[in-house]
């Protein structure tokens, strides 16, 4: 009886306790990356007992996996916002090139401004099984991986990228932008000023596009 009452209290106060815990986990990740996400602290912030979380998440790893997916939604939103800056008035080839660059720039922009969430977004992704998962899609309806794939398909469709070069191109482009993003937030490039970092990011996406 007491457990049922507690469950009702959680529902009453939080509406959707699972989502409330994920939001708390996102805040923790934003502040301290994946290591900062804990069931105890998430439940404390939401205002429920730790045991309440286990109705929705088997353990801390399950909560972190959900936060990882939610962080990827935020990455997708950042990329969508960058894609929105590419107007429709260019010729198809130019527009395809700019949209491909926008995906990389949006990705690296997010890493620079939200390093904790960026680190968390890929922390529990041991493979590509969830790369196209609906729970990782932004309002535009695509995950970060799908946004990159779509931009590459546009390059093929406009003749910029040869069809035979298309297989595996996601991994090459992703490796490049993820590598620079990591160097800028966790590596020896983290001391660079913002203007210099932006120049490197812009140059990188141009180099990747030309090298595909």
N, C-alpha and C. Protein backbone atom coordinates (compact mmCIF):
# COMPACT_ATOMS: atom_id res chain seq x y z
N UNK A 1 0.83 -1.21 0.00
CA UNK A 1 0.00 0.00 0.00
C UNK A 1 0.87 1.26 0.00
N UNK A 2 1.93 1.22 0.85
CA UNK A 2 2.81 2.39 0.93
C UNK A 2 3.50 2.63 -0.41
N UNK A 3 3.90 1.53 -1.08
CA UNK A 3 4.58 1.69 -2.37
C UNK A 3 3.64 2.27 -3.40
N UNK A 4 2.38 1.82 -3.41
CA UNK A 4 1.40 2.35 -4.35
C UNK A 4 1.16 3.83 -4.11
N UNK A 5 1.10 4.20 -2.82
CA UNK A 5 0.90 5.61 -2.50
C UNK A 5 2.07 6.45 -2.98
N UNK A 6 3.31 5.90 -2.79
CA UNK A 6 4.49 6.62 -3.24
C UNK A 6 4.49 6.79 -4.74
N UNK A 7 4.08 5.73 -5.47
CA UNK A 7 4.04 5.82 -6.92
C UNK A 7 3.07 6.89 -7.37
N UNK A 8 1.91 6.95 -6.72
CA UNK A 8 0.93 7.98 -7.06
C UNK A 8 1.48 9.36 -6.76
N UNK A 9 2.21 9.48 -5.65
CA UNK A 9 2.76 10.77 -5.30
C UNK A 9 3.77 11.23 -6.36
N UNK A 10 4.62 10.30 -6.84
CA UNK A 10 5.57 10.64 -7.90
C UNK A 10 4.85 11.12 -9.14
N UNK A 11 3.80 10.38 -9.52
CA UNK A 11 3.06 10.75 -10.72
C UNK A 11 2.39 12.11 -10.54
N UNK A 12 1.84 12.32 -9.36
CA UNK A 12 1.13 13.58 -9.10
C UNK A 12 2.08 14.77 -9.18
N UNK A 13 3.24 14.62 -8.55
CA UNK A 13 4.16 15.75 -8.48
C UNK A 13 4.91 15.98 -9.79
N UNK A 14 5.20 14.91 -10.51
CA UNK A 14 6.12 15.04 -11.64
C UNK A 14 5.49 14.73 -12.99
N UNK A 15 4.28 14.24 -13.00
CA UNK A 15 3.62 13.94 -14.27
C UNK A 15 4.24 12.74 -14.93
N UNK A 16 5.48 12.86 -15.36
CA UNK A 16 6.21 11.77 -15.98
C UNK A 16 7.57 11.69 -15.27
N UNK A 17 7.65 10.82 -14.29
CA UNK A 17 8.86 10.73 -13.48
C UNK A 17 10.06 10.33 -14.33
N UNK A 18 9.86 9.45 -15.27
CA UNK A 18 10.98 9.02 -16.11
C UNK A 18 11.60 10.22 -16.83
N UNK A 19 10.78 11.04 -17.45
CA UNK A 19 11.30 12.20 -18.16
C UNK A 19 11.91 13.22 -17.21
N UNK A 20 11.32 13.34 -16.02
CA UNK A 20 11.89 14.26 -15.03
C UNK A 20 13.29 13.82 -14.63
N UNK A 21 13.49 12.52 -14.48
CA UNK A 21 14.81 12.01 -14.13
C UNK A 21 15.81 12.20 -15.28
N UNK A 22 15.35 12.03 -16.50
CA UNK A 22 16.23 12.25 -17.65
C UNK A 22 16.63 13.72 -17.73
N UNK A 23 15.67 14.61 -17.49
CA UNK A 23 16.00 16.04 -17.51
C UNK A 23 17.02 16.38 -16.41
N UNK A 24 16.84 15.77 -15.24
CA UNK A 24 17.81 15.99 -14.17
C UNK A 24 19.17 15.43 -14.56
N UNK A 25 19.16 14.27 -15.21
CA UNK A 25 20.41 13.67 -15.69
C UNK A 25 21.10 14.55 -16.72
N UNK A 26 20.31 15.18 -17.59
CA UNK A 26 20.88 16.11 -18.57
C UNK A 26 21.55 17.29 -17.89
N UNK A 27 20.92 17.81 -16.86
CA UNK A 27 21.52 18.92 -16.12
C UNK A 27 22.84 18.49 -15.49
N UNK A 28 22.86 17.29 -14.93
CA UNK A 28 24.09 16.78 -14.33
C UNK A 28 25.18 16.60 -15.38
N UNK A 29 24.80 16.06 -16.54
CA UNK A 29 25.76 15.87 -17.62
C UNK A 29 26.28 17.21 -18.13
N UNK A 30 25.41 18.18 -18.21
CA UNK A 30 25.81 19.52 -18.66
C UNK A 30 26.86 20.10 -17.71
N UNK A 31 26.70 19.82 -16.43
CA UNK A 31 27.60 20.38 -15.42
C UNK A 31 28.92 19.61 -15.31
N UNK A 32 28.85 18.27 -15.50
CA UNK A 32 30.06 17.49 -15.23
C UNK A 32 30.30 16.30 -16.13
N UNK A 33 29.59 16.22 -17.25
CA UNK A 33 29.81 15.11 -18.16
C UNK A 33 29.18 13.82 -17.65
N UNK A 34 29.47 12.70 -18.30
CA UNK A 34 28.80 11.43 -17.95
C UNK A 34 29.09 10.95 -16.54
N UNK A 35 30.27 11.23 -16.03
CA UNK A 35 30.61 10.77 -14.67
C UNK A 35 29.73 11.42 -13.61
N UNK A 36 29.15 12.56 -13.92
CA UNK A 36 28.34 13.29 -12.95
C UNK A 36 26.92 12.75 -12.85
N UNK A 37 26.52 11.90 -13.78
CA UNK A 37 25.14 11.38 -13.80
C UNK A 37 25.02 10.24 -12.80
N UNK A 38 24.18 10.42 -11.81
CA UNK A 38 23.95 9.37 -10.81
C UNK A 38 22.47 9.32 -10.46
N UNK A 39 22.01 8.13 -10.14
CA UNK A 39 20.61 7.96 -9.75
C UNK A 39 20.31 8.75 -8.49
N UNK A 40 21.20 8.70 -7.53
CA UNK A 40 20.94 9.37 -6.25
C UNK A 40 20.79 10.88 -6.44
N UNK A 41 21.69 11.47 -7.21
CA UNK A 41 21.62 12.93 -7.39
C UNK A 41 20.45 13.32 -8.27
N UNK A 42 20.13 12.51 -9.27
CA UNK A 42 18.98 12.81 -10.14
C UNK A 42 17.69 12.77 -9.33
N UNK A 43 17.54 11.76 -8.49
CA UNK A 43 16.32 11.68 -7.69
C UNK A 43 16.27 12.79 -6.65
N UNK A 44 17.42 13.16 -6.11
CA UNK A 44 17.44 14.26 -5.14
C UNK A 44 16.94 15.54 -5.80
N UNK A 45 17.40 15.79 -7.02
CA UNK A 45 17.00 17.02 -7.71
C UNK A 45 15.53 17.00 -8.09
N UNK A 46 15.02 15.83 -8.41
CA UNK A 46 13.61 15.73 -8.76
C UNK A 46 12.74 15.78 -7.51
N UNK A 47 13.28 15.32 -6.39
CA UNK A 47 12.53 15.37 -5.15
C UNK A 47 11.83 14.09 -4.79
N UNK A 48 12.40 12.94 -5.21
CA UNK A 48 11.83 11.65 -4.85
C UNK A 48 12.92 10.79 -4.23
N UNK A 49 12.51 9.70 -3.59
CA UNK A 49 13.47 8.77 -3.01
C UNK A 49 14.20 8.02 -4.12
N UNK A 50 15.47 7.64 -3.89
CA UNK A 50 16.22 6.91 -4.92
C UNK A 50 15.50 5.67 -5.44
N UNK A 51 14.79 4.96 -4.58
CA UNK A 51 14.10 3.75 -5.01
C UNK A 51 13.06 4.03 -6.09
N UNK A 52 12.55 5.26 -6.15
CA UNK A 52 11.53 5.60 -7.14
C UNK A 52 12.09 5.49 -8.55
N UNK A 53 13.38 5.74 -8.69
CA UNK A 53 13.99 5.70 -10.03
C UNK A 53 13.98 4.31 -10.62
N UNK A 54 14.03 3.29 -9.75
CA UNK A 54 14.17 1.93 -10.25
C UNK A 54 12.87 1.37 -10.82
N UNK A 55 11.81 2.14 -10.74
CA UNK A 55 10.59 1.76 -11.47
C UNK A 55 10.76 2.05 -12.96
N UNK A 56 11.70 2.90 -13.28
CA UNK A 56 11.89 3.34 -14.66
C UNK A 56 13.26 2.96 -15.24
N UNK A 57 14.25 2.81 -14.37
CA UNK A 57 15.61 2.49 -14.83
C UNK A 57 16.17 1.37 -13.96
N UNK A 58 16.67 0.35 -14.62
CA UNK A 58 17.17 -0.82 -13.89
C UNK A 58 18.34 -0.46 -12.99
N UNK A 59 19.20 0.43 -13.48
CA UNK A 59 20.37 0.82 -12.71
C UNK A 59 20.91 2.14 -13.26
N UNK A 60 22.05 2.54 -12.76
CA UNK A 60 22.65 3.81 -13.19
C UNK A 60 22.99 3.78 -14.67
N UNK A 61 23.44 2.64 -15.17
CA UNK A 61 23.79 2.54 -16.58
C UNK A 61 22.57 2.78 -17.47
N UNK A 62 21.41 2.31 -17.04
CA UNK A 62 20.19 2.52 -17.82
C UNK A 62 19.80 3.99 -17.85
N UNK A 63 19.94 4.66 -16.72
CA UNK A 63 19.68 6.10 -16.68
C UNK A 63 20.66 6.84 -17.58
N UNK A 64 21.94 6.48 -17.50
CA UNK A 64 22.95 7.15 -18.32
C UNK A 64 22.69 6.93 -19.80
N UNK A 65 22.24 5.73 -20.18
CA UNK A 65 21.92 5.46 -21.59
C UNK A 65 20.79 6.37 -22.07
N UNK A 66 19.79 6.58 -21.23
CA UNK A 66 18.68 7.46 -21.60
C UNK A 66 19.15 8.91 -21.70
N UNK A 67 20.03 9.31 -20.80
CA UNK A 67 20.58 10.67 -20.85
C UNK A 67 21.46 10.83 -22.09
N UNK A 68 22.19 9.79 -22.45
CA UNK A 68 23.00 9.81 -23.67
C UNK A 68 22.12 10.08 -24.88
N UNK A 69 21.00 9.38 -24.98
CA UNK A 69 20.08 9.59 -26.11
C UNK A 69 19.52 11.01 -26.09
N UNK A 70 19.16 11.49 -24.91
CA UNK A 70 18.62 12.85 -24.81
C UNK A 70 19.67 13.89 -25.19
N UNK A 71 20.93 13.62 -24.86
CA UNK A 71 22.01 14.53 -25.25
C UNK A 71 22.18 14.52 -26.77
N UNK A 72 21.99 13.38 -27.40
CA UNK A 72 22.07 13.34 -28.86
C UNK A 72 20.94 14.14 -29.50
N UNK A 73 19.79 14.18 -28.86
CA UNK A 73 18.72 15.04 -29.36
C UNK A 73 19.20 16.49 -29.37
N UNK A 74 19.91 16.89 -28.32
CA UNK A 74 20.42 18.26 -28.27
C UNK A 74 21.46 18.51 -29.37
N UNK A 75 22.28 17.51 -29.68
CA UNK A 75 23.22 17.64 -30.79
C UNK A 75 22.46 17.83 -32.10
N UNK A 76 21.42 17.02 -32.30
CA UNK A 76 20.61 17.12 -33.51
C UNK A 76 20.00 18.51 -33.63
N UNK A 77 19.54 19.07 -32.54
CA UNK A 77 18.96 20.41 -32.56
C UNK A 77 19.99 21.45 -32.98
N UNK A 78 21.21 21.32 -32.48
CA UNK A 78 22.26 22.26 -32.84
C UNK A 78 22.59 22.17 -34.33
N UNK A 79 22.62 20.95 -34.85
CA UNK A 79 22.89 20.77 -36.28
C UNK A 79 21.74 21.32 -37.11
N UNK A 80 20.51 21.05 -36.69
CA UNK A 80 19.33 21.59 -37.40
C UNK A 80 19.38 23.11 -37.45
N UNK A 81 19.80 23.72 -36.35
CA UNK A 81 19.87 25.18 -36.30
C UNK A 81 20.91 25.70 -37.28
N UNK A 82 22.04 25.00 -37.40
CA UNK A 82 23.07 25.41 -38.34
C UNK A 82 22.60 25.20 -39.78
N UNK A 83 21.90 24.11 -40.03
CA UNK A 83 21.36 23.85 -41.37
C UNK A 83 20.36 24.93 -41.77
N UNK A 84 19.63 25.45 -40.81
CA UNK A 84 18.62 26.48 -41.10
C UNK A 84 19.25 27.78 -41.59
N UNK A 85 20.55 27.95 -41.37
CA UNK A 85 21.20 29.17 -41.83
C UNK A 85 21.54 29.11 -43.32
N UNK A 86 21.40 27.94 -43.91
CA UNK A 86 21.68 27.80 -45.34
C UNK A 86 20.40 28.12 -46.11
N UNK A 87 20.42 29.22 -46.81
CA UNK A 87 19.22 29.65 -47.53
C UNK A 87 18.95 28.81 -48.76
N UNK A 88 17.72 28.93 -49.30
CA UNK A 88 17.35 28.13 -50.47
C UNK A 88 17.72 28.76 -51.80
N UNK A 89 18.37 29.92 -51.78
CA UNK A 89 18.57 30.67 -53.01
C UNK A 89 19.85 30.32 -53.76
N UNK A 90 20.70 29.42 -53.20
CA UNK A 90 21.90 29.03 -53.93
C UNK A 90 21.57 27.98 -54.98
N UNK A 91 22.51 27.81 -55.90
CA UNK A 91 22.35 26.71 -56.85
C UNK A 91 22.49 25.39 -56.09
N UNK A 92 21.95 24.28 -56.62
CA UNK A 92 21.92 23.01 -55.89
C UNK A 92 23.29 22.52 -55.41
N UNK A 93 24.32 22.70 -56.21
CA UNK A 93 25.65 22.23 -55.81
C UNK A 93 26.17 23.03 -54.62
N UNK A 94 26.07 24.34 -54.71
CA UNK A 94 26.53 25.18 -53.60
C UNK A 94 25.74 24.89 -52.34
N UNK A 95 24.45 24.74 -52.49
CA UNK A 95 23.61 24.47 -51.32
C UNK A 95 23.97 23.12 -50.68
N UNK A 96 24.23 22.12 -51.48
CA UNK A 96 24.61 20.81 -50.94
C UNK A 96 25.93 20.90 -50.18
N UNK A 97 26.87 21.66 -50.73
CA UNK A 97 28.15 21.84 -50.06
C UNK A 97 27.98 22.57 -48.73
N UNK A 98 27.19 23.63 -48.75
CA UNK A 98 26.98 24.40 -47.52
C UNK A 98 26.24 23.60 -46.46
N UNK A 99 25.31 22.78 -46.88
CA UNK A 99 24.57 21.96 -45.91
C UNK A 99 25.48 20.89 -45.30
N UNK A 100 26.36 20.32 -46.10
CA UNK A 100 27.30 19.36 -45.54
C UNK A 100 28.21 20.04 -44.51
N UNK A 101 28.71 21.21 -44.86
CA UNK A 101 29.56 21.94 -43.92
C UNK A 101 28.78 22.31 -42.66
N UNK A 102 27.52 22.65 -42.82
CA UNK A 102 26.69 23.05 -41.67
C UNK A 102 26.55 21.92 -40.66
N UNK A 103 26.47 20.69 -41.15
CA UNK A 103 26.37 19.55 -40.23
C UNK A 103 27.61 19.49 -39.34
N UNK A 104 28.78 19.59 -39.95
CA UNK A 104 30.02 19.55 -39.17
C UNK A 104 30.18 20.73 -38.24
N UNK A 105 29.82 21.91 -38.73
CA UNK A 105 29.94 23.11 -37.90
C UNK A 105 28.97 23.07 -36.72
N UNK A 106 27.75 22.61 -36.96
CA UNK A 106 26.79 22.50 -35.87
C UNK A 106 27.26 21.52 -34.81
N UNK A 107 27.85 20.43 -35.25
CA UNK A 107 28.39 19.41 -34.34
C UNK A 107 29.49 19.99 -33.47
N UNK A 108 30.43 20.67 -34.10
CA UNK A 108 31.55 21.23 -33.34
C UNK A 108 31.12 22.43 -32.50
N UNK A 109 30.17 23.21 -33.00
CA UNK A 109 29.62 24.31 -32.22
C UNK A 109 29.04 23.79 -30.91
N UNK A 110 28.29 22.70 -31.00
CA UNK A 110 27.69 22.12 -29.81
C UNK A 110 28.76 21.67 -28.82
N UNK A 111 29.79 21.01 -29.33
CA UNK A 111 30.85 20.52 -28.45
C UNK A 111 31.51 21.66 -27.68
N UNK A 112 31.75 22.78 -28.36
CA UNK A 112 32.41 23.91 -27.72
C UNK A 112 31.54 24.57 -26.65
N UNK A 113 30.27 24.64 -26.91
CA UNK A 113 29.38 25.36 -25.98
C UNK A 113 28.78 24.47 -24.91
N UNK A 114 28.70 23.18 -25.16
CA UNK A 114 28.13 22.25 -24.18
C UNK A 114 29.01 21.02 -24.05
N UNK A 115 30.26 21.19 -23.58
CA UNK A 115 31.18 20.06 -23.55
C UNK A 115 30.71 18.89 -22.70
N UNK A 116 30.04 19.17 -21.59
CA UNK A 116 29.55 18.08 -20.75
C UNK A 116 28.52 17.22 -21.47
N UNK A 117 27.59 17.87 -22.15
CA UNK A 117 26.58 17.13 -22.92
C UNK A 117 27.22 16.41 -24.10
N UNK A 118 28.18 17.05 -24.74
CA UNK A 118 28.85 16.43 -25.89
C UNK A 118 29.56 15.16 -25.45
N UNK A 119 30.28 15.21 -24.35
CA UNK A 119 30.97 14.02 -23.86
C UNK A 119 29.97 12.91 -23.55
N UNK A 120 28.83 13.29 -23.02
CA UNK A 120 27.82 12.31 -22.61
C UNK A 120 27.10 11.71 -23.81
N UNK A 121 26.91 12.49 -24.86
CA UNK A 121 26.10 12.06 -26.00
C UNK A 121 26.58 10.75 -26.60
N UNK A 122 27.87 10.49 -26.55
CA UNK A 122 28.42 9.29 -27.19
C UNK A 122 29.06 8.33 -26.20
N UNK A 123 28.81 8.57 -24.93
CA UNK A 123 29.48 7.80 -23.88
C UNK A 123 29.07 6.34 -23.89
N UNK A 124 27.78 6.06 -24.02
CA UNK A 124 27.30 4.67 -23.93
C UNK A 124 27.02 4.07 -25.30
N UNK A 125 27.40 4.76 -26.37
CA UNK A 125 27.14 4.25 -27.71
C UNK A 125 28.29 3.38 -28.16
N UNK A 126 28.23 2.11 -27.80
CA UNK A 126 29.30 1.19 -28.14
C UNK A 126 29.26 0.71 -29.58
N UNK A 127 28.17 0.96 -30.26
CA UNK A 127 28.05 0.57 -31.67
C UNK A 127 27.05 1.50 -32.33
N UNK A 128 26.66 1.17 -33.56
CA UNK A 128 25.73 2.02 -34.31
C UNK A 128 24.29 1.57 -34.19
N UNK A 129 24.02 0.68 -33.25
CA UNK A 129 22.68 0.10 -33.14
C UNK A 129 21.60 1.16 -32.95
N UNK A 130 21.92 2.25 -32.25
CA UNK A 130 20.92 3.28 -31.97
C UNK A 130 21.15 4.57 -32.76
N UNK A 131 22.02 4.51 -33.77
CA UNK A 131 22.35 5.73 -34.51
C UNK A 131 21.14 6.33 -35.21
N UNK A 132 20.15 5.49 -35.50
CA UNK A 132 18.93 5.98 -36.16
C UNK A 132 17.70 5.84 -35.26
N UNK A 133 17.94 5.72 -33.97
CA UNK A 133 16.84 5.52 -33.03
C UNK A 133 15.96 6.76 -32.93
N UNK A 134 14.63 6.59 -32.95
CA UNK A 134 13.72 7.74 -32.82
C UNK A 134 13.97 8.57 -31.57
N UNK A 135 14.45 7.94 -30.50
CA UNK A 135 14.66 8.68 -29.25
C UNK A 135 15.87 9.61 -29.33
N UNK A 136 16.59 9.57 -30.44
CA UNK A 136 17.75 10.46 -30.62
C UNK A 136 17.50 11.51 -31.70
N UNK A 137 16.28 11.64 -32.15
CA UNK A 137 15.96 12.57 -33.21
C UNK A 137 15.53 13.93 -32.66
N UNK A 138 15.97 14.98 -33.33
CA UNK A 138 15.53 16.32 -32.98
C UNK A 138 14.18 16.60 -33.60
N UNK A 139 13.74 17.85 -33.46
CA UNK A 139 12.43 18.22 -34.00
C UNK A 139 12.37 18.07 -35.51
N UNK A 140 13.52 18.10 -36.18
CA UNK A 140 13.56 17.91 -37.62
C UNK A 140 13.34 16.47 -38.04
N UNK A 141 13.31 15.55 -37.09
CA UNK A 141 13.01 14.16 -37.40
C UNK A 141 14.21 13.29 -37.70
N UNK A 142 15.43 13.80 -37.45
CA UNK A 142 16.62 13.01 -37.73
C UNK A 142 17.59 13.05 -36.56
N UNK A 143 18.32 11.96 -36.41
CA UNK A 143 19.41 11.90 -35.43
C UNK A 143 20.63 12.60 -36.01
N UNK A 144 21.65 12.86 -35.19
CA UNK A 144 22.88 13.44 -35.74
C UNK A 144 23.46 12.59 -36.88
N UNK A 145 23.46 11.28 -36.70
CA UNK A 145 23.99 10.40 -37.74
C UNK A 145 23.16 10.49 -39.01
N UNK A 146 21.85 10.55 -38.87
CA UNK A 146 20.98 10.67 -40.04
C UNK A 146 21.15 12.01 -40.74
N UNK A 147 21.41 13.06 -39.99
CA UNK A 147 21.64 14.37 -40.60
C UNK A 147 22.92 14.36 -41.43
N UNK A 148 23.95 13.71 -40.93
CA UNK A 148 25.18 13.59 -41.70
C UNK A 148 24.95 12.74 -42.95
N UNK A 149 24.25 11.62 -42.78
CA UNK A 149 23.97 10.76 -43.93
C UNK A 149 23.18 11.50 -45.00
N UNK A 150 22.19 12.28 -44.56
CA UNK A 150 21.39 13.04 -45.51
C UNK A 150 22.20 14.06 -46.27
N UNK A 151 23.13 14.72 -45.59
CA UNK A 151 23.97 15.71 -46.26
C UNK A 151 24.88 15.05 -47.29
N UNK A 152 25.39 13.88 -46.97
CA UNK A 152 26.22 13.15 -47.92
C UNK A 152 25.40 12.69 -49.12
N UNK A 153 24.18 12.27 -48.89
CA UNK A 153 23.31 11.88 -49.99
C UNK A 153 23.05 13.06 -50.93
N UNK A 154 22.94 14.26 -50.35
CA UNK A 154 22.75 15.46 -51.18
C UNK A 154 23.97 15.72 -52.04
N UNK A 155 25.15 15.48 -51.49
CA UNK A 155 26.38 15.65 -52.28
C UNK A 155 26.41 14.68 -53.46
N UNK A 156 25.95 13.47 -53.23
CA UNK A 156 25.88 12.49 -54.32
C UNK A 156 24.84 12.93 -55.34
N UNK A 157 23.69 13.37 -54.86
CA UNK A 157 22.60 13.76 -55.74
C UNK A 157 22.94 14.93 -56.63
N UNK A 158 23.85 15.80 -56.19
CA UNK A 158 24.23 16.97 -57.00
C UNK A 158 25.53 16.75 -57.76
N UNK A 159 26.08 15.55 -57.67
CA UNK A 159 27.29 15.24 -58.42
C UNK A 159 28.58 15.66 -57.77
N UNK A 160 28.53 16.17 -56.54
CA UNK A 160 29.75 16.57 -55.85
C UNK A 160 30.54 15.35 -55.40
N UNK A 161 29.84 14.33 -54.93
CA UNK A 161 30.46 13.11 -54.43
C UNK A 161 30.08 11.96 -55.35
N UNK A 162 31.09 11.24 -55.82
CA UNK A 162 30.82 10.10 -56.71
C UNK A 162 30.11 8.99 -55.94
N UNK A 163 29.12 8.34 -56.54
CA UNK A 163 28.37 7.29 -55.85
C UNK A 163 29.26 6.19 -55.27
N UNK A 164 30.32 5.86 -55.98
CA UNK A 164 31.19 4.78 -55.48
C UNK A 164 31.99 5.19 -54.26
N UNK A 165 32.07 6.50 -54.00
CA UNK A 165 32.77 6.99 -52.81
C UNK A 165 31.84 7.18 -51.62
N UNK A 166 30.56 6.96 -51.83
CA UNK A 166 29.57 7.21 -50.77
C UNK A 166 29.65 6.21 -49.62
N UNK A 167 29.81 4.91 -49.86
CA UNK A 167 29.83 3.96 -48.72
C UNK A 167 30.92 4.29 -47.71
N UNK A 168 30.53 4.39 -46.45
CA UNK A 168 31.48 4.65 -45.38
C UNK A 168 31.89 6.10 -45.22
N UNK A 169 31.37 6.98 -46.07
CA UNK A 169 31.78 8.38 -45.98
C UNK A 169 31.38 9.00 -44.64
N UNK A 170 30.27 8.53 -44.05
CA UNK A 170 29.86 9.05 -42.73
C UNK A 170 30.99 8.91 -41.71
N UNK A 171 31.65 7.75 -41.73
CA UNK A 171 32.63 7.46 -40.70
C UNK A 171 33.88 8.34 -40.86
N UNK A 172 34.23 8.62 -42.11
CA UNK A 172 35.40 9.47 -42.36
C UNK A 172 35.11 10.91 -41.93
N UNK A 173 33.96 11.43 -42.35
CA UNK A 173 33.60 12.80 -41.99
C UNK A 173 33.40 12.94 -40.49
N UNK A 174 32.73 11.99 -39.89
CA UNK A 174 32.46 12.02 -38.45
C UNK A 174 33.77 11.97 -37.66
N UNK A 175 34.68 11.10 -38.08
CA UNK A 175 35.96 10.99 -37.37
C UNK A 175 36.70 12.32 -37.37
N UNK A 176 36.66 13.01 -38.49
CA UNK A 176 37.38 14.28 -38.58
C UNK A 176 36.80 15.34 -37.66
N UNK A 177 35.49 15.55 -37.72
CA UNK A 177 34.91 16.62 -36.91
C UNK A 177 34.91 16.26 -35.43
N UNK A 178 34.70 14.97 -35.13
CA UNK A 178 34.72 14.55 -33.72
C UNK A 178 36.13 14.70 -33.16
N UNK A 179 37.13 14.38 -33.97
CA UNK A 179 38.50 14.52 -33.51
C UNK A 179 38.86 15.95 -33.18
N UNK A 180 38.52 16.89 -34.06
CA UNK A 180 38.83 18.29 -33.78
C UNK A 180 38.03 18.79 -32.58
N UNK A 181 36.76 18.40 -32.52
CA UNK A 181 35.94 18.82 -31.38
C UNK A 181 36.56 18.35 -30.06
N UNK A 182 37.05 17.12 -30.04
CA UNK A 182 37.65 16.57 -28.82
C UNK A 182 38.96 17.28 -28.49
N UNK A 183 39.75 17.57 -29.49
CA UNK A 183 41.00 18.30 -29.25
C UNK A 183 40.73 19.69 -28.68
N UNK A 184 39.63 20.30 -29.12
CA UNK A 184 39.31 21.65 -28.67
C UNK A 184 38.75 21.69 -27.26
N UNK A 185 38.08 20.62 -26.83
CA UNK A 185 37.49 20.68 -25.49
C UNK A 185 38.27 19.89 -24.44
N UNK A 186 39.04 18.89 -24.88
CA UNK A 186 39.75 18.04 -23.92
C UNK A 186 41.24 17.89 -24.23
N UNK A 187 41.68 18.36 -25.37
CA UNK A 187 43.05 18.14 -25.78
C UNK A 187 43.89 19.39 -25.79
N UNK A 188 45.02 19.34 -26.47
CA UNK A 188 45.98 20.45 -26.46
C UNK A 188 45.49 21.71 -27.17
N UNK A 189 44.37 21.63 -27.88
CA UNK A 189 43.85 22.82 -28.54
C UNK A 189 42.85 23.59 -27.68
N UNK A 190 42.62 23.14 -26.46
CA UNK A 190 41.59 23.78 -25.63
C UNK A 190 41.96 25.19 -25.19
N UNK A 191 43.23 25.56 -25.33
CA UNK A 191 43.65 26.90 -24.95
C UNK A 191 43.51 27.90 -26.09
N UNK A 192 43.10 27.45 -27.27
CA UNK A 192 42.92 28.37 -28.38
C UNK A 192 41.77 29.33 -28.11
N UNK A 193 41.88 30.53 -28.63
CA UNK A 193 40.78 31.47 -28.51
C UNK A 193 39.63 31.07 -29.41
N UNK A 194 38.47 31.64 -29.15
CA UNK A 194 37.28 31.26 -29.91
C UNK A 194 37.42 31.56 -31.39
N UNK A 195 37.99 32.71 -31.74
CA UNK A 195 38.12 33.08 -33.15
C UNK A 195 39.00 32.08 -33.89
N UNK A 196 40.09 31.67 -33.28
CA UNK A 196 40.99 30.72 -33.93
C UNK A 196 40.32 29.35 -34.05
N UNK A 197 39.59 28.97 -33.01
CA UNK A 197 38.86 27.69 -33.07
C UNK A 197 37.84 27.69 -34.21
N UNK A 198 37.14 28.81 -34.38
CA UNK A 198 36.15 28.89 -35.46
C UNK A 198 36.83 28.78 -36.82
N UNK A 199 38.00 29.39 -36.96
CA UNK A 199 38.73 29.30 -38.23
C UNK A 199 39.14 27.87 -38.53
N UNK A 200 39.60 27.17 -37.51
CA UNK A 200 39.99 25.77 -37.70
C UNK A 200 38.78 24.92 -38.08
N UNK A 201 37.67 25.14 -37.41
CA UNK A 201 36.47 24.36 -37.70
C UNK A 201 35.99 24.58 -39.14
N UNK A 202 35.99 25.84 -39.56
CA UNK A 202 35.55 26.14 -40.92
C UNK A 202 36.49 25.53 -41.94
N UNK A 203 37.78 25.61 -41.67
CA UNK A 203 38.76 25.04 -42.60
C UNK A 203 38.63 23.52 -42.66
N UNK A 204 38.38 22.90 -41.50
CA UNK A 204 38.26 21.45 -41.47
C UNK A 204 37.11 20.95 -42.33
N UNK A 205 35.92 21.56 -42.18
CA UNK A 205 34.78 21.04 -42.93
C UNK A 205 34.99 21.22 -44.44
N UNK A 206 35.72 22.27 -44.82
CA UNK A 206 36.03 22.46 -46.24
C UNK A 206 37.01 21.38 -46.72
N UNK A 207 37.99 21.08 -45.89
CA UNK A 207 38.96 20.06 -46.24
C UNK A 207 38.30 18.69 -46.36
N UNK A 208 37.41 18.38 -45.41
CA UNK A 208 36.72 17.08 -45.45
C UNK A 208 35.89 16.96 -46.71
N UNK A 209 35.16 18.02 -47.04
CA UNK A 209 34.32 17.99 -48.24
C UNK A 209 35.15 17.76 -49.49
N UNK A 210 36.28 18.45 -49.59
CA UNK A 210 37.13 18.29 -50.78
C UNK A 210 37.78 16.92 -50.84
N UNK A 211 38.00 16.32 -49.65
CA UNK A 211 38.71 15.04 -49.61
C UNK A 211 37.84 13.81 -49.75
N UNK A 212 36.52 13.99 -49.70
CA UNK A 212 35.64 12.82 -49.79
C UNK A 212 35.71 12.17 -51.17
